[in-house]
Protein backbone atom coordinates (compact mmCIF):
# COMPACT_ATOMS: atom_id res chain seq x y z
CA MET A 1 16.87 60.87 149.99
CA VAL A 2 20.90 61.22 149.40
CA LEU A 3 21.71 64.45 147.65
CA SER A 4 24.42 63.49 144.68
CA ALA A 5 27.95 64.36 145.54
CA ILE A 6 27.11 66.93 142.42
CA ASN A 7 24.01 68.21 143.24
CA ASP A 8 25.31 68.52 147.26
CA SER A 9 28.67 70.64 145.96
CA LYS A 10 26.16 72.67 143.68
CA ARG A 11 24.32 73.08 147.29
CA ILE A 12 27.30 74.22 149.15
CA GLU A 13 28.56 76.56 146.44
CA ALA A 14 25.25 78.62 146.50
CA MET A 15 25.33 78.58 150.20
CA LEU A 16 28.97 80.03 150.21
CA LYS A 17 28.29 82.93 148.16
CA TYR A 18 26.65 84.40 151.02
CA ASP A 19 29.04 84.22 153.46
CA ILE A 20 27.14 82.95 156.65
CA LEU A 21 29.54 80.51 158.10
CA ASP A 22 31.41 81.01 160.97
CA SER A 23 30.01 84.46 160.75
CA VAL A 24 29.68 86.91 163.82
CA SER A 25 26.36 86.53 166.01
CA GLU A 26 23.68 88.78 164.73
CA GLN A 27 20.90 89.94 166.51
CA GLU A 28 17.95 89.62 164.37
CA TYR A 29 18.99 85.79 163.51
CA ASP A 30 18.88 85.30 167.26
CA ASP A 31 15.57 87.18 167.95
CA ILE A 32 13.86 84.48 165.13
CA VAL A 33 15.18 81.41 166.81
CA PHE A 34 14.08 82.85 170.42
CA LEU A 35 10.66 83.04 168.45
CA ALA A 36 10.47 80.01 166.89
CA SER A 37 11.45 77.94 170.33
CA GLN A 38 8.96 79.88 172.11
CA ILE A 39 5.93 79.54 169.22
CA CYS A 40 6.38 75.59 168.74
CA GLU A 41 7.16 75.47 172.34
CA THR A 42 10.42 73.69 172.04
CA PRO A 43 13.58 73.74 173.97
CA ILE A 44 15.71 73.65 170.85
CA SER A 45 15.91 75.94 167.88
CA THR A 46 18.49 76.46 165.51
CA ILE A 47 19.15 78.14 161.93
CA THR A 48 21.39 75.90 160.18
CA PHE A 49 24.05 75.87 157.49
CA VAL A 50 25.60 72.27 156.68
CA ASP A 51 28.82 72.01 154.45
CA ASP A 52 29.98 68.79 153.76
CA LYS A 53 31.42 67.94 156.52
CA LYS A 54 29.98 69.73 159.62
CA GLN A 55 26.71 71.80 160.26
CA TRP A 56 26.76 74.90 161.87
CA PHE A 57 24.62 77.33 163.60
CA LYS A 58 24.09 80.72 162.77
CA SER A 59 21.64 81.56 165.84
CA LYS A 60 20.80 78.20 168.24
CA VAL A 61 18.56 77.89 171.36
CA GLY A 62 19.29 74.79 173.78
CA LEU A 63 22.43 74.25 172.57
CA PRO A 64 25.90 74.42 173.60
CA HIS A 65 27.69 74.05 170.97
CA GLN A 66 28.23 75.99 167.73
CA GLU A 67 28.33 73.18 165.10
CA SER A 68 28.88 69.30 165.07
CA PRO A 69 29.74 66.82 162.50
CA ARG A 70 27.48 66.15 159.49
CA PRO A 71 26.27 62.65 160.05
CA THR A 72 25.00 63.67 163.48
CA SER A 73 22.71 66.33 161.51
CA PHE A 74 18.90 66.65 161.18
CA CYS A 75 18.88 69.57 159.04
CA SER A 76 20.93 67.63 156.57
CA LEU A 77 18.60 65.39 156.01
CA ALA A 78 15.78 68.27 155.49
CA ILE A 79 18.02 69.74 152.65
CA GLU A 80 18.61 66.24 151.34
CA SER A 81 14.55 65.98 151.40
CA GLU A 82 12.43 67.38 148.66
CA ASP A 83 10.22 69.23 150.85
CA THR A 84 10.42 72.90 151.79
CA PHE A 85 8.84 72.09 155.15
CA VAL A 86 9.87 68.85 157.27
CA ASN A 87 7.94 67.47 160.22
CA ILE A 88 8.44 64.68 161.93
CA PRO A 89 6.14 64.59 165.00
CA ASN A 90 8.01 60.99 165.97
CA LEU A 91 11.66 60.87 165.28
CA PHE A 92 11.67 56.80 165.92
CA GLU A 93 9.26 56.51 163.37
CA HIS A 94 11.29 57.55 160.69
CA LYS A 95 13.76 55.40 159.81
CA GLU A 96 16.31 57.99 159.17
CA PHE A 97 15.88 60.43 161.36
CA LYS A 98 15.93 57.19 164.29
CA GLU A 99 19.17 56.62 162.60
CA VAL A 100 20.04 60.35 163.52
CA ALA A 101 18.43 60.40 166.94
CA VAL A 102 20.21 57.42 167.93
CA LEU A 103 24.10 59.27 167.22
CA ASN A 104 22.52 62.27 169.08
CA GLY A 105 22.23 60.00 172.15
CA LEU A 106 17.98 60.62 171.95
CA THR A 107 15.28 57.71 172.78
CA SER A 108 12.36 59.24 171.37
CA GLY A 109 12.25 62.98 170.02
CA PHE A 110 10.49 65.22 167.09
CA TYR A 111 11.74 67.94 164.62
CA ALA A 112 10.32 70.37 162.01
CA SER A 113 11.92 72.47 159.92
CA VAL A 114 11.80 75.38 157.17
CA ILE A 115 13.82 74.66 154.22
CA LEU A 116 15.77 77.92 153.14
CA ILE A 117 15.79 78.37 149.47
CA ASP A 118 18.68 80.49 147.37
CA PRO A 119 16.26 82.15 145.03
CA GLN A 120 18.88 82.29 142.45
CA THR A 121 19.42 78.57 141.77
CA ASN A 122 16.06 77.55 143.78
CA ILE A 123 18.59 75.21 145.89
CA PRO A 124 18.18 74.84 149.42
CA ILE A 125 21.30 76.40 151.61
CA GLY A 126 20.05 75.90 155.31
CA THR A 127 16.92 75.56 157.69
CA LEU A 128 15.50 76.91 160.58
CA CYS A 129 14.17 74.04 162.80
CA VAL A 130 12.99 73.38 166.15
CA ILE A 131 13.65 70.08 167.78
CA ASP A 132 12.05 68.45 170.95
CA VAL A 133 13.44 65.37 173.08
CA LEU A 134 9.40 64.28 173.08
CA PRO A 135 7.75 63.27 170.21
CA LYS A 136 5.38 66.78 169.66
CA VAL A 137 2.42 67.35 167.12
CA LEU A 138 2.61 70.85 166.18
CA SER A 139 -0.63 73.06 165.97
CA GLU A 140 -2.08 74.07 162.38
CA ASN A 141 -0.87 78.04 163.80
CA GLN A 142 2.49 76.55 165.37
CA ILE A 143 3.56 75.40 161.60
CA LEU A 144 2.40 78.78 160.12
CA GLY A 145 4.30 80.75 162.80
CA LEU A 146 7.58 78.73 161.75
CA LYS A 147 6.95 79.15 158.13
CA LYS A 148 6.52 83.00 158.18
CA LEU A 149 9.83 82.98 160.61
CA GLY A 150 11.21 80.76 157.69
CA ARG A 151 10.44 83.84 155.77
CA GLN A 152 12.33 86.25 157.61
CA VAL A 153 15.41 84.00 157.74
CA SER A 154 15.29 84.18 153.93
CA ASN A 155 14.75 88.14 153.88
CA LEU A 156 17.80 88.54 156.31
CA LEU A 157 19.92 86.16 153.53
CA GLN A 158 18.82 88.17 150.63
CA LEU A 159 19.60 91.34 152.43
CA ARG A 160 22.97 90.08 153.29
CA LEU A 161 23.58 89.28 149.64
CA LYS A 162 22.72 92.41 148.83
CA ASN A 163 25.08 94.17 150.91
CA LYS A 164 27.52 91.55 150.41
CA VAL A 165 26.92 92.95 146.66
CA LEU A 166 27.15 96.77 147.42
CA GLU A 167 30.22 96.29 149.44
CA GLN A 168 32.35 94.73 146.79
CA ASP A 169 30.83 97.17 144.65
CA ASN A 170 31.76 100.21 146.85
CA THR A 171 34.97 98.82 147.19
CA ALA A 172 35.75 98.45 143.78
CA LEU A 173 34.16 101.89 142.76
CA HIS A 174 36.48 103.40 145.67
CA PHE A 175 39.69 101.68 144.13
CA GLN A 176 38.72 103.32 140.59
CA ASN A 177 38.46 106.57 142.61
CA ASN A 178 41.65 106.14 143.86
CA GLU A 179 43.48 105.12 141.19
CA LEU A 180 41.73 107.99 139.05
CA GLU A 181 42.38 110.57 141.70
CA GLN A 182 46.37 109.29 141.59
CA PHE A 183 46.38 109.86 138.12
CA ALA A 184 44.90 113.12 138.00
CA SER A 185 47.44 113.98 140.58
CA ILE A 186 50.32 112.45 138.85
CA VAL A 187 49.44 113.87 135.26
CA SER A 188 48.60 117.37 136.57
CA HIS A 189 51.99 117.52 138.17
CA ASP A 190 53.94 115.66 135.39
CA ILE A 191 52.22 118.21 133.05
CA LYS A 192 52.65 121.64 134.97
CA SER A 193 56.63 121.58 134.75
CA PRO A 194 56.81 121.23 131.33
CA LEU A 195 54.42 123.32 130.39
CA ASN A 196 55.58 126.30 132.78
CA ASN A 197 58.89 125.69 130.59
CA ILE A 198 56.97 126.02 127.33
CA ILE A 199 55.79 129.30 128.68
CA SER A 200 58.70 130.72 129.75
CA LEU A 201 60.57 129.72 126.75
CA THR A 202 57.48 131.16 124.21
CA GLY A 203 57.80 134.87 126.28
CA LEU A 204 62.01 134.62 126.03
CA LEU A 205 61.29 134.33 122.50
CA GLU A 206 58.96 136.85 121.91
CA GLU A 207 60.93 139.04 124.00
CA GLU A 208 64.63 138.20 122.52
CA TYR A 209 63.82 137.67 118.71
CA ALA A 210 60.93 139.78 117.93
CA ASN A 211 62.68 141.85 115.71
CA GLU A 212 63.49 138.79 113.43
CA LEU A 213 60.21 137.04 113.13
CA THR A 214 57.90 137.39 110.52
CA PRO A 215 54.45 138.68 112.22
CA THR A 216 53.15 135.04 110.73
CA GLY A 217 55.94 133.75 113.23
CA ILE A 218 55.07 136.39 115.97
CA GLN A 219 50.95 135.46 115.71
CA TYR A 220 52.32 131.93 116.17
CA LEU A 221 54.21 132.51 118.78
CA ASN A 222 51.19 134.15 120.41
CA TYR A 223 48.81 131.25 119.55
CA ILE A 224 51.25 128.63 121.67
CA SER A 225 51.20 131.59 124.79
CA GLU A 226 47.68 131.41 124.82
CA SER A 227 47.27 127.52 124.30
CA SER A 228 49.66 127.66 127.23
CA TYR A 229 48.29 129.16 129.73
CA SER A 230 44.70 127.88 128.76
CA LEU A 231 46.21 124.52 129.73
CA LYS A 232 47.67 125.90 132.98
CA ARG A 233 44.40 127.36 134.01
CA PHE A 234 42.72 123.34 133.17
CA VAL A 235 45.98 122.08 135.38
CA ASP A 236 45.48 124.66 138.13
CA ALA A 237 42.05 123.83 138.28
CA MET A 238 42.77 119.99 138.47
CA LEU A 239 45.05 120.06 141.06
CA GLU A 240 42.28 122.33 142.81
CA TYR A 241 39.61 119.77 142.93
CA HIS A 242 42.56 116.97 143.33
CA LYS A 243 42.87 118.94 146.80
CA SER A 244 39.83 119.61 147.69
CA ASN A 245 38.58 115.91 147.16
CA ASN A 246 41.07 114.40 149.32
CA HIS A 247 40.95 116.62 152.05
CA GLU A 248 38.77 115.03 155.15
CA PHE A 249 37.07 118.23 156.23
CA ILE A 250 36.54 117.16 159.36
CA LYS A 251 38.29 120.19 161.52
CA LYS A 252 35.93 122.71 163.00
CA ASP A 253 37.30 125.99 163.07
CA PHE A 254 36.30 129.24 164.53
CA ILE A 255 36.26 131.38 161.58
CA ASN A 256 36.58 135.01 161.30
CA ILE A 257 35.00 134.76 157.71
CA SER A 258 35.25 139.00 157.24
CA ALA A 259 38.75 138.35 157.48
CA LEU A 260 39.45 135.77 155.53
CA ALA A 261 36.71 136.66 152.22
CA THR A 262 38.29 140.15 152.58
CA THR A 263 42.02 138.27 152.38
CA ILE A 264 40.34 135.90 149.72
CA PHE A 265 39.07 139.09 147.54
CA ASN A 266 42.52 141.10 148.02
CA SER A 267 44.32 138.84 146.31
CA LEU A 268 42.27 138.69 143.65
CA ASN A 269 41.74 142.63 143.36
CA TYR A 270 45.48 143.16 142.93
CA LYS A 271 44.96 146.26 140.17
CA ASN A 272 41.93 147.35 142.91
CA GLU A 273 39.21 147.30 140.06
CA TYR A 274 36.78 145.10 141.74
CA GLU A 275 34.33 146.11 144.96
CA LEU A 276 33.51 143.53 147.80
CA THR A 277 30.46 144.37 150.06
CA ILE A 278 31.04 142.66 153.23
CA GLN A 279 29.53 142.85 156.82
CA ASP A 280 32.49 143.34 159.75
CA ASP A 281 32.90 140.68 162.26
CA LEU A 282 31.12 137.91 160.42
CA TYR A 283 32.06 134.17 162.56
CA MET A 284 31.63 130.61 162.26
CA ILE A 285 32.67 127.31 163.01
CA SER A 286 33.77 124.91 160.10
CA ASP A 287 36.78 123.70 158.30
CA SER A 288 38.77 126.89 157.51
CA PHE A 289 39.99 124.75 154.26
CA ALA A 290 36.55 124.10 153.17
CA ILE A 291 35.34 127.27 153.15
CA GLU A 292 38.18 129.05 151.75
CA GLN A 293 38.10 126.67 148.89
CA ILE A 294 34.21 127.70 148.46
CA LEU A 295 35.23 131.44 149.05
CA VAL A 296 38.02 131.57 146.13
CA ASN A 297 36.26 129.46 143.54
CA LEU A 298 32.85 131.77 143.85
CA PHE A 299 34.86 134.96 144.04
CA SER A 300 36.71 134.02 140.89
CA ASN A 301 33.92 133.32 139.02
CA GLY A 302 32.27 136.19 140.24
CA ILE A 303 35.38 138.41 139.10
CA LYS A 304 35.63 136.31 135.63
CA TYR A 305 32.46 136.19 134.50
CA ASN A 306 31.44 139.36 134.76
CA LYS A 307 31.72 142.08 131.63
CA ASN A 308 30.61 145.15 133.44
CA GLU A 309 33.50 147.86 133.86
CA LYS A 310 32.95 147.83 137.73
CA VAL A 311 32.82 144.14 139.29
CA LYS A 312 30.79 144.30 142.24
CA LEU A 313 30.91 141.30 144.66
CA HIS A 314 29.24 140.57 148.28
CA LEU A 315 29.09 138.34 151.23
CA HIS A 316 26.51 137.62 153.45
CA LEU A 317 26.20 135.30 156.64
CA THR A 318 23.36 134.53 158.74
CA GLU A 319 22.32 131.65 161.47
CA ASN A 320 20.02 129.73 163.33
CA GLU A 321 19.72 127.69 165.64
CA PHE A 322 20.97 124.03 163.35
CA ASN A 323 22.57 126.76 160.36
CA TYR A 324 24.47 128.55 158.86
CA VAL A 325 24.27 130.60 155.53
CA LEU A 326 26.58 131.75 153.52
CA SER A 327 25.62 133.77 150.30
CA VAL A 328 28.04 135.07 147.50
CA GLY A 329 26.55 137.33 145.05
CA ASP A 330 28.07 139.41 141.80
CA ASN A 331 26.80 141.57 139.00
CA GLY A 332 28.39 139.41 136.65
CA MET A 333 26.73 137.87 133.12
CA GLY A 334 24.03 135.89 134.78
CA ILE A 335 22.98 131.44 134.31
CA SER A 336 19.91 130.62 132.72
CA GLU A 337 17.69 128.86 135.07
CA LYS A 338 17.92 125.83 132.22
CA ASP A 339 21.75 125.62 133.27
CA TYR A 340 21.15 125.31 136.82
CA SER A 341 21.47 121.31 137.13
CA THR A 342 24.33 121.37 134.96
CA ILE A 343 26.64 123.85 136.39
CA PHE A 344 27.72 121.64 138.97
CA SER A 345 28.77 118.77 137.06
CA PHE A 346 32.84 118.23 136.59
CA PHE A 347 34.09 119.36 133.36
CA LYS A 348 30.74 121.19 132.24
CA THR A 349 31.16 124.47 130.83
CA LEU A 350 28.65 126.61 129.15
CA ASN A 351 30.79 127.72 126.21
CA ILE A 352 31.05 131.24 127.68
CA LYS A 353 34.26 133.00 127.46
CA ASP A 354 35.17 135.14 130.36
CA ARG A 355 36.57 139.07 130.78
CA TYR A 356 39.85 137.70 129.57
CA ASP A 357 38.56 135.83 126.67
CA ASN A 358 39.09 132.73 127.81
CA TYR A 359 36.63 129.64 128.08
CA GLY A 360 35.86 128.35 131.88
CA THR A 361 37.57 124.70 132.42
CA GLY A 362 34.27 123.60 134.06
CA ILE A 363 35.88 122.84 137.42
CA GLY A 364 35.33 125.12 140.07
CA LEU A 365 31.80 125.19 140.36
CA ALA A 366 32.33 121.16 141.05
CA THR A 367 34.92 121.66 143.16
CA VAL A 368 32.51 124.10 145.41
CA LYS A 369 29.85 121.48 144.91
CA ASN A 370 32.43 118.66 145.97
CA THR A 371 33.38 120.86 149.06
CA VAL A 372 29.72 121.24 150.19
CA ASP A 373 28.81 117.70 149.83
CA LYS A 374 31.76 116.96 152.02
CA LEU A 375 30.65 119.62 154.73
CA GLY A 376 27.36 117.81 154.30
CA GLY A 377 25.38 120.80 153.51
CA THR A 378 23.66 122.16 150.44
CA ILE A 379 24.08 124.98 147.60
CA THR A 380 21.48 126.84 145.53
CA VAL A 381 21.81 128.95 142.94
CA GLU A 382 19.65 132.48 141.88
CA SER A 383 20.48 134.11 138.99
CA GLU A 384 19.63 136.42 136.01
CA ILE A 385 21.28 136.81 132.68
CA ASP A 386 23.19 140.35 132.90
CA LYS A 387 21.98 140.91 136.15
CA GLY A 388 24.34 138.45 138.65
CA THR A 389 24.25 135.86 140.23
CA VAL A 390 23.85 134.42 144.12
CA PHE A 391 25.32 131.34 145.32
CA LYS A 392 23.28 130.25 148.73
CA ILE A 393 25.13 127.44 150.86
CA ILE A 394 23.54 126.28 153.51
CA LEU A 395 25.59 124.07 156.64
CA ASN A 396 24.72 122.70 159.60
CA LYS A 397 26.25 123.61 162.93
């Protein structure tokens, strides 16, 4: 039964969505045609797909060519039938198959195939076939084996389609993430320059015209200054997150953790009012930029979210055959256990003011988590309200 032009067009459309035509050789398909040939004891076996002009072999045994014209195709006739399994013991006893056999230069022969169906449209898209140059009768077990192999081809095709969709989704998501990162970077930089100007001008107004302003006017300037600094902290955090998000984290540096942590701590402790407990001569091999990002954010949080007169931080590093374990703790406000699962989320804050009477941005811990993830590590938190917090980071060697 010859397909109508409309139906054949739909069949080809269903087949093309798999991107299977002219694809590279794949071992899984090659193994199946080999097994089909062995099970059915035929010199020829193929996984075949047919478009409007040709048949093309995804995998083949016993044929020298990769494709042939559609008029010479047994599989084209099989697809045009209404059956899901086609079995022609003697090609010359079947009118249409005999005509194709003659075109292929055969004087006798056998053909059988499992029709591969697209489950979304219920349309045939290809075949797994076996061919012999002599008439042949398949046993029940051979037929069963061929049908089972046909199901495996169908499974591979569905897996191929799912992978294609996933790749498209991942490409779209990657594009969107890149667009978002570029947007965040551009906006952050474009905001930062005029924001610094606002802060500077507000300071100048307060300094030079304080005697000419009413108490209400001075209060308004203070509001502007506080809001500007708050926005500046947010923009700076966004830039840090963007920088960490674009870093590849593939370097393997020999890092003096003791020296790095002390340098970072000293930059935050310019008034010499905090305390850091750390062992000397702690070393690890990792990406130095990543470790610096982690320590900067955890030290900053340990200081900011700490209402004690004496802020105390501590850092420990241990290692075994497989991992480094980096622990950073403080004696600060602590975190409720119910918030453990959300504190690493981007823009997530606990609506708590820090020791400087400011709200957080919800970016610092997200930056730490993003950095640890990129290093292939894990981060956990242990905390108790008003007694402090310990972040434990486990990194593979």
